[in-house]
C-alpha cells in the first residue's frame, strides 16, 4: 500500500489528476456482450481485469508465436520442478 500512497503524493505535488477508481466506467464504443449482464463497471474493474487480461493475452500470443510447441511443453513441465537452488544445477552444456 505504500507504493500507492507514494504515487498519490507525487500526483498531488505535481498537480496531476487522480482517477477515482470507484466511479462508473462508461463504455464509449460497442455494446455490452450480454443483454442480461449488469452494465455497472467501476474504473477499478476496468483497469484490473479488462486491461490486465488483455495484456496477459497479448503476452501469451507473443510466446505462442515465438516458441514451438515442444518448447512450450518444456516450459510448462519445468514450472512444476522445485526452484530451490536452481542455479546450482544449471549446466550450459545441456542447452
PDB file of N, CA and C in Angstrom:
ATOM      1  N   UNK A   1       0.809  -1.200   0.000  1.00  0.00           N
ATOM      2  CA  UNK A   1       0.000   0.000   0.000  1.00  0.00           C
ATOM      3  C   UNK A   1       0.852   1.263   0.000  1.00  0.00           C
ATOM      4  N   UNK A   2       2.095   1.157   0.431  1.00  0.00           N
ATOM      5  CA  UNK A   2       2.962   2.322   0.470  1.00  0.00           C
ATOM      6  C   UNK A   2       3.222   2.888  -0.912  1.00  0.00           C
ATOM      7  N   UNK A   3       3.321   2.015  -1.906  1.00  0.00           N
ATOM      8  CA  UNK A   3       3.596   2.463  -3.274  1.00  0.00           C
ATOM      9  C   UNK A   3       2.447   3.303  -3.818  1.00  0.00           C
ATOM     10  N   UNK A   4       1.225   2.890  -3.529  1.00  0.00           N
ATOM     11  CA  UNK A   4       0.060   3.656  -3.999  1.00  0.00           C
ATOM     12  C   UNK A   4       0.031   5.029  -3.328  1.00  0.00           C
ATOM     13  N   UNK A   5       0.358   5.057  -2.053  1.00  0.00           N
ATOM     14  CA  UNK A   5       0.387   6.332  -1.323  1.00  0.00           C
ATOM     15  C   UNK A   5       1.463   7.249  -1.913  1.00  0.00           C
ATOM     16  N   UNK A   6       2.618   6.685  -2.260  1.00  0.00           N
ATOM     17  CA  UNK A   6       3.691   7.472  -2.876  1.00  0.00           C
ATOM     18  C   UNK A   6       3.252   8.042  -4.222  1.00  0.00           C
ATOM     19  N   UNK A   7       2.557   7.228  -5.008  1.00  0.00           N
ATOM     20  CA  UNK A   7       2.072   7.688  -6.313  1.00  0.00           C
ATOM     21  C   UNK A   7       1.062   8.819  -6.134  1.00  0.00           C
ATOM     22  N   UNK A   8       0.147   8.651  -5.177  1.00  0.00           N
ATOM     23  CA  UNK A   8      -0.843   9.709  -4.930  1.00  0.00           C
ATOM     24  C   UNK A   8      -0.173  10.990  -4.471  1.00  0.00           C
ATOM     25  N   UNK A   9       0.805  10.893  -3.586  1.00  0.00           N
ATOM     26  CA  UNK A   9       1.530  12.087  -3.132  1.00  0.00           C
ATOM     27  C   UNK A   9       2.258  12.762  -4.289  1.00  0.00           C
ATOM     28  N   UNK A  10       2.856  11.967  -5.172  1.00  0.00           N
ATOM     29  CA  UNK A  10       3.532  12.517  -6.341  1.00  0.00           C
ATOM     30  C   UNK A  10       2.547  13.259  -7.233  1.00  0.00           C
ATOM     31  N   UNK A  11       1.383  12.644  -7.462  1.00  0.00           N
ATOM     32  CA  UNK A  11       0.366  13.278  -8.315  1.00  0.00           C
ATOM     33  C   UNK A  11      -0.138  14.586  -7.710  1.00  0.00           C
ATOM     34  N   UNK A  12      -0.374  14.586  -6.413  1.00  0.00           N
ATOM     35  CA  UNK A  12      -0.850  15.799  -5.750  1.00  0.00           C
ATOM     36  C   UNK A  12       0.208  16.896  -5.820  1.00  0.00           C
ATOM     37  N   UNK A  13       1.460  16.552  -5.563  1.00  0.00           N
ATOM     38  CA  UNK A  13       2.521  17.564  -5.566  1.00  0.00           C
ATOM     39  C   UNK A  13       2.809  18.107  -6.964  1.00  0.00           C
ATOM     40  N   UNK A  14       2.497  17.345  -8.009  1.00  0.00           N
ATOM     41  CA  UNK A  14       2.735  17.788  -9.381  1.00  0.00           C
ATOM     42  C   UNK A  14       1.455  18.165 -10.121  1.00  0.00           C
ATOM     43  N   UNK A  15       0.367  18.342  -9.384  1.00  0.00           N
ATOM     44  CA  UNK A  15      -0.929  18.758  -9.913  1.00  0.00           C
ATOM     45  C   UNK A  15      -1.361  17.855 -11.077  1.00  0.00           C
ATOM     46  N   UNK A  16      -1.362  16.559 -10.814  1.00  0.00           N
ATOM     47  CA  UNK A  16      -1.808  15.572 -11.794  1.00  0.00           C
ATOM     48  C   UNK A  16      -3.121  14.992 -11.296  1.00  0.00           C
ATOM     49  N   UNK A  17      -4.127  14.960 -12.164  1.00  0.00           N
ATOM     50  CA  UNK A  17      -5.427  14.418 -11.780  1.00  0.00           C
ATOM     51  C   UNK A  17      -5.305  12.947 -11.412  1.00  0.00           C
ATOM     52  N   UNK A  18      -5.992  12.581 -10.347  1.00  0.00           N
ATOM     53  CA  UNK A  18      -6.012  11.190  -9.906  1.00  0.00           C
ATOM     54  C   UNK A  18      -7.381  10.621 -10.220  1.00  0.00           C
ATOM     55  N   UNK A  19      -7.391   9.492 -10.906  1.00  0.00           N
ATOM     56  CA  UNK A  19      -8.623   8.834 -11.293  1.00  0.00           C
ATOM     57  C   UNK A  19      -9.296   8.218 -10.069  1.00  0.00           C
ATOM     58  N   UNK A  20     -10.585   8.458  -9.914  1.00  0.00           N
ATOM     59  CA  UNK A  20     -11.353   7.844  -8.824  1.00  0.00           C
ATOM     60  C   UNK A  20     -11.791   6.466  -9.286  1.00  0.00           C
ATOM     61  N   UNK A  21     -11.216   5.426  -8.709  1.00  0.00           N
ATOM     62  CA  UNK A  21     -11.483   4.061  -9.154  1.00  0.00           C
ATOM     63  C   UNK A  21     -12.855   3.557  -8.750  1.00  0.00           C
ATOM     64  N   UNK A  22     -13.564   4.285  -7.926  1.00  0.00           N
ATOM     65  CA  UNK A  22     -14.909   3.861  -7.521  1.00  0.00           C
ATOM     66  C   UNK A  22     -16.001   4.394  -8.436  1.00  0.00           C
ATOM     67  N   UNK A  23     -15.639   5.252  -9.390  1.00  0.00           N
ATOM     68  CA  UNK A  23     -16.641   5.783 -10.308  1.00  0.00           C
ATOM     69  C   UNK A  23     -16.998   4.747 -11.356  1.00  0.00           C
ATOM     70  N   UNK A  24     -18.130   4.966 -11.986  1.00  0.00           N
ATOM     71  CA  UNK A  24     -18.605   4.039 -13.004  1.00  0.00           C
ATOM     72  C   UNK A  24     -17.845   4.252 -14.303  1.00  0.00           C
ATOM     73  N   UNK A  25     -17.433   3.149 -14.908  1.00  0.00           N
ATOM     74  CA  UNK A  25     -16.794   3.204 -16.220  1.00  0.00           C
ATOM     75  C   UNK A  25     -17.888   3.126 -17.265  1.00  0.00           C
ATOM     76  N   UNK A  26     -17.913   4.110 -18.142  1.00  0.00           N
ATOM     77  CA  UNK A  26     -18.913   4.144 -19.199  1.00  0.00           C
ATOM     78  C   UNK A  26     -18.261   3.744 -20.512  1.00  0.00           C
ATOM     79  N   UNK A  27     -18.826   2.740 -21.138  1.00  0.00           N
ATOM     80  CA  UNK A  27     -18.301   2.311 -22.434  1.00  0.00           C
ATOM     81  C   UNK A  27     -18.676   3.356 -23.480  1.00  0.00           C
ATOM     82  N   UNK A  28     -17.687   3.780 -24.235  1.00  0.00           N
ATOM     83  CA  UNK A  28     -17.956   4.790 -25.256  1.00  0.00           C
ATOM     84  C   UNK A  28     -18.166   4.166 -26.627  1.00  0.00           C
ATOM     85  N   UNK A  29     -17.684   2.920 -26.797  1.00  0.00           N
ATOM     86  CA  UNK A  29     -17.853   2.249 -28.077  1.00  0.00           C
ATOM     87  C   UNK A  29     -18.390   0.853 -27.835  1.00  0.00           C
ATOM     88  N   UNK A  30     -19.097   0.351 -28.799  1.00  0.00           N
ATOM     89  CA  UNK A  30     -19.565  -1.024 -28.739  1.00  0.00           C
ATOM     90  C   UNK A  30     -20.741  -1.214 -27.813  1.00  0.00           C
ATOM     91  N   UNK A  31     -21.251  -2.408 -27.817  1.00  0.00           N
ATOM     92  CA  UNK A  31     -22.390  -2.761 -26.985  1.00  0.00           C
ATOM     93  C   UNK A  31     -21.949  -3.800 -25.966  1.00  0.00           C
ATOM     94  N   UNK A  32     -22.657  -3.903 -24.834  1.00  0.00           N
ATOM     95  CA  UNK A  32     -22.330  -4.965 -23.891  1.00  0.00           C
ATOM     96  C   UNK A  32     -22.461  -6.322 -24.571  1.00  0.00           C
ATOM     97  N   UNK A  33     -21.618  -7.255 -24.183  1.00  0.00           N
ATOM     98  CA  UNK A  33     -21.626  -8.576 -24.821  1.00  0.00           C
ATOM     99  C   UNK A  33     -22.885  -9.359 -24.513  1.00  0.00           C
ATOM    100  N   UNK A  34     -23.422  -9.196 -23.323  1.00  0.00           N
ATOM    101  CA  UNK A  34     -24.610  -9.937 -22.916  1.00  0.00           C
ATOM    102  C   UNK A  34     -25.704  -8.953 -22.511  1.00  0.00           C
ATOM    103  N   UNK A  35     -26.923  -9.229 -22.895  1.00  0.00           N
ATOM    104  CA  UNK A  35     -28.020  -8.307 -22.608  1.00  0.00           C
ATOM    105  C   UNK A  35     -28.396  -8.291 -21.131  1.00  0.00           C
ATOM    106  N   UNK A  36     -28.320  -9.441 -20.462  1.00  0.00           N
ATOM    107  CA  UNK A  36     -28.792  -9.540 -19.088  1.00  0.00           C
ATOM    108  C   UNK A  36     -27.726  -9.237 -18.044  1.00  0.00           C
ATOM    109  N   UNK A  37     -26.544  -8.857 -18.455  1.00  0.00           N
ATOM    110  CA  UNK A  37     -25.466  -8.587 -17.517  1.00  0.00           C
ATOM    111  C   UNK A  37     -25.589  -7.164 -17.002  1.00  0.00           C
ATOM    112  N   UNK A  38     -25.358  -7.003 -15.699  1.00  0.00           N
ATOM    113  CA  UNK A  38     -25.365  -5.679 -15.096  1.00  0.00           C
ATOM    114  C   UNK A  38     -24.258  -4.853 -15.753  1.00  0.00           C
ATOM    115  N   UNK A  39     -24.577  -3.684 -16.284  1.00  0.00           N
ATOM    116  CA  UNK A  39     -23.620  -2.893 -17.038  1.00  0.00           C
ATOM    117  C   UNK A  39     -22.809  -1.951 -16.155  1.00  0.00           C
ATOM    118  N   UNK A  40     -23.013  -1.969 -14.821  1.00  0.00           N
ATOM    119  CA  UNK A  40     -22.248  -1.101 -13.935  1.00  0.00           C
ATOM    120  C   UNK A  40     -20.871  -1.701 -13.724  1.00  0.00           C
ATOM    121  N   UNK A  41     -19.872  -1.041 -14.270  1.00  0.00           N
ATOM    122  CA  UNK A  41     -18.485  -1.469 -14.132  1.00  0.00           C
ATOM    123  C   UNK A  41     -17.702  -0.294 -13.579  1.00  0.00           C
ATOM    124  N   UNK A  42     -16.939  -0.534 -12.520  1.00  0.00           N
ATOM    125  CA  UNK A  42     -16.137   0.551 -11.957  1.00  0.00           C
ATOM    126  C   UNK A  42     -14.846   0.705 -12.744  1.00  0.00           C
ATOM    127  N   UNK A  43     -14.204   1.839 -12.581  1.00  0.00           N
ATOM    128  CA  UNK A  43     -12.923   2.075 -13.229  1.00  0.00           C
ATOM    129  C   UNK A  43     -11.887   1.070 -12.729  1.00  0.00           C
ATOM    130  N   UNK A  44     -11.962   0.725 -11.438  1.00  0.00           N
ATOM    131  CA  UNK A  44     -11.028  -0.254 -10.885  1.00  0.00           C
ATOM    132  C   UNK A  44     -11.178  -1.589 -11.597  1.00  0.00           C
ATOM    133  N   UNK A  45     -12.429  -2.019 -11.804  1.00  0.00           N
ATOM    134  CA  UNK A  45     -12.685  -3.273 -12.504  1.00  0.00           C
ATOM    135  C   UNK A  45     -12.121  -3.206 -13.917  1.00  0.00           C
ATOM    136  N   UNK A  46     -12.338  -2.098 -14.576  1.00  0.00           N
ATOM    137  CA  UNK A  46     -11.855  -1.914 -15.945  1.00  0.00           C
ATOM    138  C   UNK A  46     -10.341  -2.070 -16.010  1.00  0.00           C
ATOM    139  N   UNK A  47      -9.634  -1.375 -15.109  1.00  0.00           N
ATOM    140  CA  UNK A  47      -8.181  -1.421 -15.157  1.00  0.00           C
ATOM    141  C   UNK A  47      -7.616  -2.737 -14.650  1.00  0.00           C
ATOM    142  N   UNK A  48      -8.198  -3.289 -13.606  1.00  0.00           N
ATOM    143  CA  UNK A  48      -7.657  -4.523 -13.030  1.00  0.00           C
ATOM    144  C   UNK A  48      -7.912  -5.733 -13.908  1.00  0.00           C
ATOM    145  N   UNK A  49      -9.081  -5.833 -14.473  1.00  0.00           N
ATOM    146  CA  UNK A  49      -9.452  -7.049 -15.185  1.00  0.00           C
ATOM    147  C   UNK A  49      -9.370  -6.912 -16.695  1.00  0.00           C
ATOM    148  N   UNK A  50     -10.046  -5.933 -17.234  1.00  0.00           N
ATOM    149  CA  UNK A  50     -10.082  -5.819 -18.693  1.00  0.00           C
ATOM    150  C   UNK A  50      -8.696  -5.561 -19.274  1.00  0.00           C
ATOM    151  N   UNK A  51      -8.006  -4.570 -18.767  1.00  0.00           N
ATOM    152  CA  UNK A  51      -6.696  -4.220 -19.316  1.00  0.00           C
ATOM    153  C   UNK A  51      -5.659  -5.269 -18.942  1.00  0.00           C
ATOM    154  N   UNK A  52      -5.725  -5.796 -17.708  1.00  0.00           N
ATOM    155  CA  UNK A  52      -4.784  -6.833 -17.284  1.00  0.00           C
ATOM    156  C   UNK A  52      -4.912  -8.082 -18.151  1.00  0.00           C
ATOM    157  N   UNK A  53      -6.136  -8.541 -18.361  1.00  0.00           N
ATOM    158  CA  UNK A  53      -6.317  -9.752 -19.163  1.00  0.00           C
ATOM    159  C   UNK A  53      -5.928  -9.513 -20.618  1.00  0.00           C
ATOM    160  N   UNK A  54      -6.149  -8.317 -21.113  1.00  0.00           N
ATOM    161  CA  UNK A  54      -5.724  -8.001 -22.476  1.00  0.00           C
ATOM    162  C   UNK A  54      -4.204  -8.064 -22.588  1.00  0.00           C
ATOM    163  N   UNK A  55      -3.511  -7.519 -21.602  1.00  0.00           N
ATOM    164  CA  UNK A  55      -2.049  -7.551 -21.612  1.00  0.00           C
ATOM    165  C   UNK A  55      -1.527  -8.977 -21.501  1.00  0.00           C
ATOM    166  N   UNK A  56      -2.135  -9.789 -20.642  1.00  0.00           N
ATOM    167  CA  UNK A  56      -1.717 -11.193 -20.496  1.00  0.00           C
ATOM    168  C   UNK A  56      -1.968 -11.961 -21.798  1.00  0.00           C
ATOM    169  N   UNK A  57      -3.130 -11.740 -22.410  1.00  0.00           N
ATOM    170  CA  UNK A  57      -3.431 -12.399 -23.686  1.00  0.00           C
ATOM    171  C   UNK A  57      -2.414 -12.026 -24.754  1.00  0.00           C
ATOM    172  N   UNK A  58      -2.021 -10.760 -24.783  1.00  0.00           N
ATOM    173  CA  UNK A  58      -1.041 -10.299 -25.752  1.00  0.00           C
ATOM    174  C   UNK A  58       0.304 -10.994 -25.521  1.00  0.00           C
ATOM    175  N   UNK A  59       0.718 -11.086 -24.252  1.00  0.00           N
ATOM    176  CA  UNK A  59       1.988 -11.737 -23.937  1.00  0.00           C
ATOM    177  C   UNK A  59       1.956 -13.222 -24.299  1.00  0.00           C
ATOM    178  N   UNK A  60       0.844 -13.897 -24.021  1.00  0.00           N
ATOM    179  CA  UNK A  60       0.720 -15.308 -24.373  1.00  0.00           C
ATOM    180  C   UNK A  60       0.763 -15.516 -25.881  1.00  0.00           C
ATOM    181  N   UNK A  61       0.130 -14.627 -26.618  1.00  0.00           N
ATOM    182  CA  UNK A  61       0.157 -14.718 -28.079  1.00  0.00           C
ATOM    183  C   UNK A  61       1.578 -14.551 -28.599  1.00  0.00           C
ATOM    184  N   UNK A  62       2.327 -13.628 -28.013  1.00  0.00           N
ATOM    185  CA  UNK A  62       3.720 -13.432 -28.410  1.00  0.00           C
ATOM    186  C   UNK A  62       4.545 -14.682 -28.133  1.00  0.00           C
ATOM    187  N   UNK A  63       4.330 -15.300 -26.962  1.00  0.00           N
ATOM    188  CA  UNK A  63       5.051 -16.527 -26.647  1.00  0.00           C
ATOM    189  C   UNK A  63       4.696 -17.636 -27.628  1.00  0.00           C
ATOM    190  N   UNK A  64       3.421 -17.759 -27.942  1.00  0.00           N
ATOM    191  CA  UNK A  64       2.986 -18.792 -28.884  1.00  0.00           C
ATOM    192  C   UNK A  64       3.568 -18.575 -30.278  1.00  0.00           C
ATOM    193  N   UNK A  65       3.724 -17.319 -30.672  1.00  0.00           N
ATOM    194  CA  UNK A  65       4.276 -17.020 -31.988  1.00  0.00           C
ATOM    195  C   UNK A  65       5.779 -17.279 -32.053  1.00  0.00           C
ATOM    196  N   UNK A  66       6.477 -17.110 -30.954  1.00  0.00           N
ATOM    197  CA  UNK A  66       7.937 -17.207 -30.956  1.00  0.00           C
ATOM    198  C   UNK A  66       8.469 -18.584 -30.582  1.00  0.00           C
ATOM    199  N   UNK A  67       7.687 -19.355 -29.843  1.00  0.00           N
ATOM    200  CA  UNK A  67       8.169 -20.641 -29.361  1.00  0.00           C
ATOM    201  C   UNK A  67       7.378 -21.782 -29.988  1.00  0.00           C
ATOM    202  N   UNK A  68       8.080 -22.867 -30.290  1.00  0.00           N
ATOM    203  CA  UNK A  68       7.393 -24.022 -30.861  1.00  0.00           C
ATOM    204  C   UNK A  68       6.657 -24.786 -29.761  1.00  0.00           C
ATOM    205  N   UNK A  69       5.822 -25.735 -30.147  1.00  0.00           N
ATOM    206  CA  UNK A  69       5.014 -26.496 -29.190  1.00  0.00           C
ATOM    207  C   UNK A  69       5.875 -27.280 -28.208  1.00  0.00           C
ATOM    208  N   UNK A  70       6.966 -27.844 -28.678  1.00  0.00           N
ATOM    209  CA  UNK A  70       7.839 -28.630 -27.811  1.00  0.00           C
ATOM    210  C   UNK A  70       8.478 -27.744 -26.732  1.00  0.00           C
ATOM    211  N   UNK A  71       8.900 -26.556 -27.112  1.00  0.00           N
ATOM    212  CA  UNK A  71       9.490 -25.626 -26.157  1.00  0.00           C
ATOM    213  C   UNK A  71       8.452 -25.192 -25.122  1.00  0.00           C
ATOM    214  N   UNK A  72       7.232 -24.910 -25.570  1.00  0.00           N
ATOM    215  CA  UNK A  72       6.169 -24.524 -24.640  1.00  0.00           C
ATOM    216  C   UNK A  72       5.869 -25.653 -23.659  1.00  0.00           C
ATOM    217  N   UNK A  73       5.860 -26.881 -24.142  1.00  0.00           N
ATOM    218  CA  UNK A  73       5.614 -28.023 -23.264  1.00  0.00           C
ATOM    219  C   UNK A  73       6.736 -28.150 -22.232  1.00  0.00           C
ATOM    220  N   UNK A  74       7.972 -27.931 -22.653  1.00  0.00           N
ATOM    221  CA  UNK A  74       9.110 -27.973 -21.739  1.00  0.00           C
ATOM    222  C   UNK A  74       8.991 -26.896 -20.666  1.00  0.00           C
ATOM    223  N   UNK A  75       8.584 -25.695 -21.042  1.00  0.00           N
ATOM    224  CA  UNK A  75       8.407 -24.607 -20.072  1.00  0.00           C
ATOM    225  C   UNK A  75       7.316 -24.960 -19.076  1.00  0.00           C
ATOM    226  N   UNK A  76       6.215 -25.500 -19.548  1.00  0.00           N
ATOM    227  CA  UNK A  76       5.105 -25.871 -18.664  1.00  0.00           C
ATOM    228  C   UNK A  76       5.540 -26.958 -17.690  1.00  0.00           C
ATOM    229  N   UNK A  77       6.224 -27.984 -18.191  1.00  0.00           N
ATOM    230  CA  UNK A  77       6.672 -29.073 -17.312  1.00  0.00           C
ATOM    231  C   UNK A  77       7.734 -28.603 -16.324  1.00  0.00           C
ATOM    232  N   UNK A  78       8.625 -27.731 -16.759  1.00  0.00           N
ATOM    233  CA  UNK A  78       9.690 -27.272 -15.867  1.00  0.00           C
ATOM    234  C   UNK A  78       9.147 -26.370 -14.760  1.00  0.00           C
ATOM    235  N   UNK A  79       7.992 -25.772 -14.963  1.00  0.00           N
ATOM    236  CA  UNK A  79       7.413 -24.932 -13.916  1.00  0.00           C
ATOM    237  C   UNK A  79       6.976 -25.749 -12.713  1.00  0.00           C
ATOM    238  N   UNK A  80       6.822 -27.062 -12.888  1.00  0.00           N
ATOM    239  CA  UNK A  80       6.433 -27.936 -11.784  1.00  0.00           C
ATOM    240  C   UNK A  80       7.633 -28.366 -10.946  1.00  0.00           C
ATOM    241  N   UNK A  81       8.838 -28.117 -11.415  1.00  0.00           N
ATOM    242  CA  UNK A  81      10.034 -28.515 -10.681  1.00  0.00           C
ATOM    243  C   UNK A  81      10.301 -27.580  -9.517  1.00  0.00           C
ATOM    244  N   UNK A  82      11.041 -28.048  -8.556  1.00  0.00           N
ATOM    245  CA  UNK A  82      11.416 -27.228  -7.406  1.00  0.00           C
ATOM    246  C   UNK A  82      12.425 -26.178  -7.843  1.00  0.00           C
ATOM    247  N   UNK A  83      12.253 -24.956  -7.416  1.00  0.00           N
ATOM    248  CA  UNK A  83      13.160 -23.874  -7.788  1.00  0.00           C
ATOM    249  C   UNK A  83      14.252 -23.642  -6.752  1.00  0.00           C
ATOM    250  N   UNK A  84      14.300 -24.470  -5.715  1.00  0.00           N
ATOM    251  CA  UNK A  84      15.301 -24.311  -4.668  1.00  0.00           C
ATOM    252  C   UNK A  84      16.674 -24.615  -5.263  1.00  0.00           C
ATOM    253  N   UNK A  85      17.596 -23.706  -5.107  1.00  0.00           N
ATOM    254  CA  UNK A  85      18.970 -23.839  -5.618  1.00  0.00           C
ATOM    255  C   UNK A  85      18.992 -24.151  -7.113  1.00  0.00           C
ATOM    256  N   UNK A  86      18.121 -23.505  -7.867  1.00  0.00           N
ATOM    257  CA  UNK A  86      18.002 -23.791  -9.287  1.00  0.00           C
ATOM    258  C   UNK A  86      19.280 -23.446 -10.058  1.00  0.00           C
ATOM    259  N   UNK A  87      20.007 -22.431  -9.632  1.00  0.00           N
ATOM    260  CA  UNK A  87      21.196 -22.029 -10.370  1.00  0.00           C
ATOM    261  C   UNK A  87      22.377 -22.965 -10.130  1.00  0.00           C
ATOM    262  N   UNK A  88      22.391 -23.698  -9.023  1.00  0.00           N
ATOM    263  CA  UNK A  88      23.468 -24.647  -8.759  1.00  0.00           C
ATOM    264  C   UNK A  88      23.446 -25.804  -9.752  1.00  0.00           C
ATOM    265  N   UNK A  89      22.250 -26.200 -10.175  1.00  0.00           N
ATOM    266  CA  UNK A  89      22.145 -27.345 -11.076  1.00  0.00           C
ATOM    267  C   UNK A  89      22.154 -26.939 -12.553  1.00  0.00           C
ATOM    268  N   UNK A  90      22.270 -25.642 -12.842  1.00  0.00           N
ATOM    269  CA  UNK A  90      22.270 -25.169 -14.225  1.00  0.00           C
ATOM    270  C   UNK A  90      23.575 -25.534 -14.911  1.00  0.00           C
ATOM    271  N   UNK A  91      23.485 -26.167 -16.078  1.00  0.00           N
ATOM    272  CA  UNK A  91      24.672 -26.534 -16.841  1.00  0.00           C
ATOM    273  C   UNK A  91      24.505 -26.061 -18.281  1.00  0.00           C
ATOM    274  N   UNK A  92      25.423 -25.220 -18.722  1.00  0.00           N
ATOM    275  CA  UNK A  92      25.369 -24.631 -20.054  1.00  0.00           C
ATOM    276  C   UNK A  92      25.491 -25.712 -21.115  1.00  0.00           C
ATOM    277  N   UNK A  93      26.244 -26.769 -20.838  1.00  0.00           N
ATOM    278  CA  UNK A  93      26.460 -27.820 -21.831  1.00  0.00           C
ATOM    279  C   UNK A  93      25.178 -28.543 -22.211  1.00  0.00           C
ATOM    280  N   UNK A  94      24.157 -28.511 -21.340  1.00  0.00           N
ATOM    281  CA  UNK A  94      22.905 -29.210 -21.614  1.00  0.00           C
ATOM    282  C   UNK A  94      22.026 -28.452 -22.612  1.00  0.00           C
ATOM    283  N   UNK A  95      22.352 -27.193 -22.843  1.00  0.00           N
ATOM    284  CA  UNK A  95      21.496 -26.376 -23.726  1.00  0.00           C
ATOM    285  C   UNK A  95      21.863 -26.629 -25.174  1.00  0.00           C
TER     286      UNK A  95
END
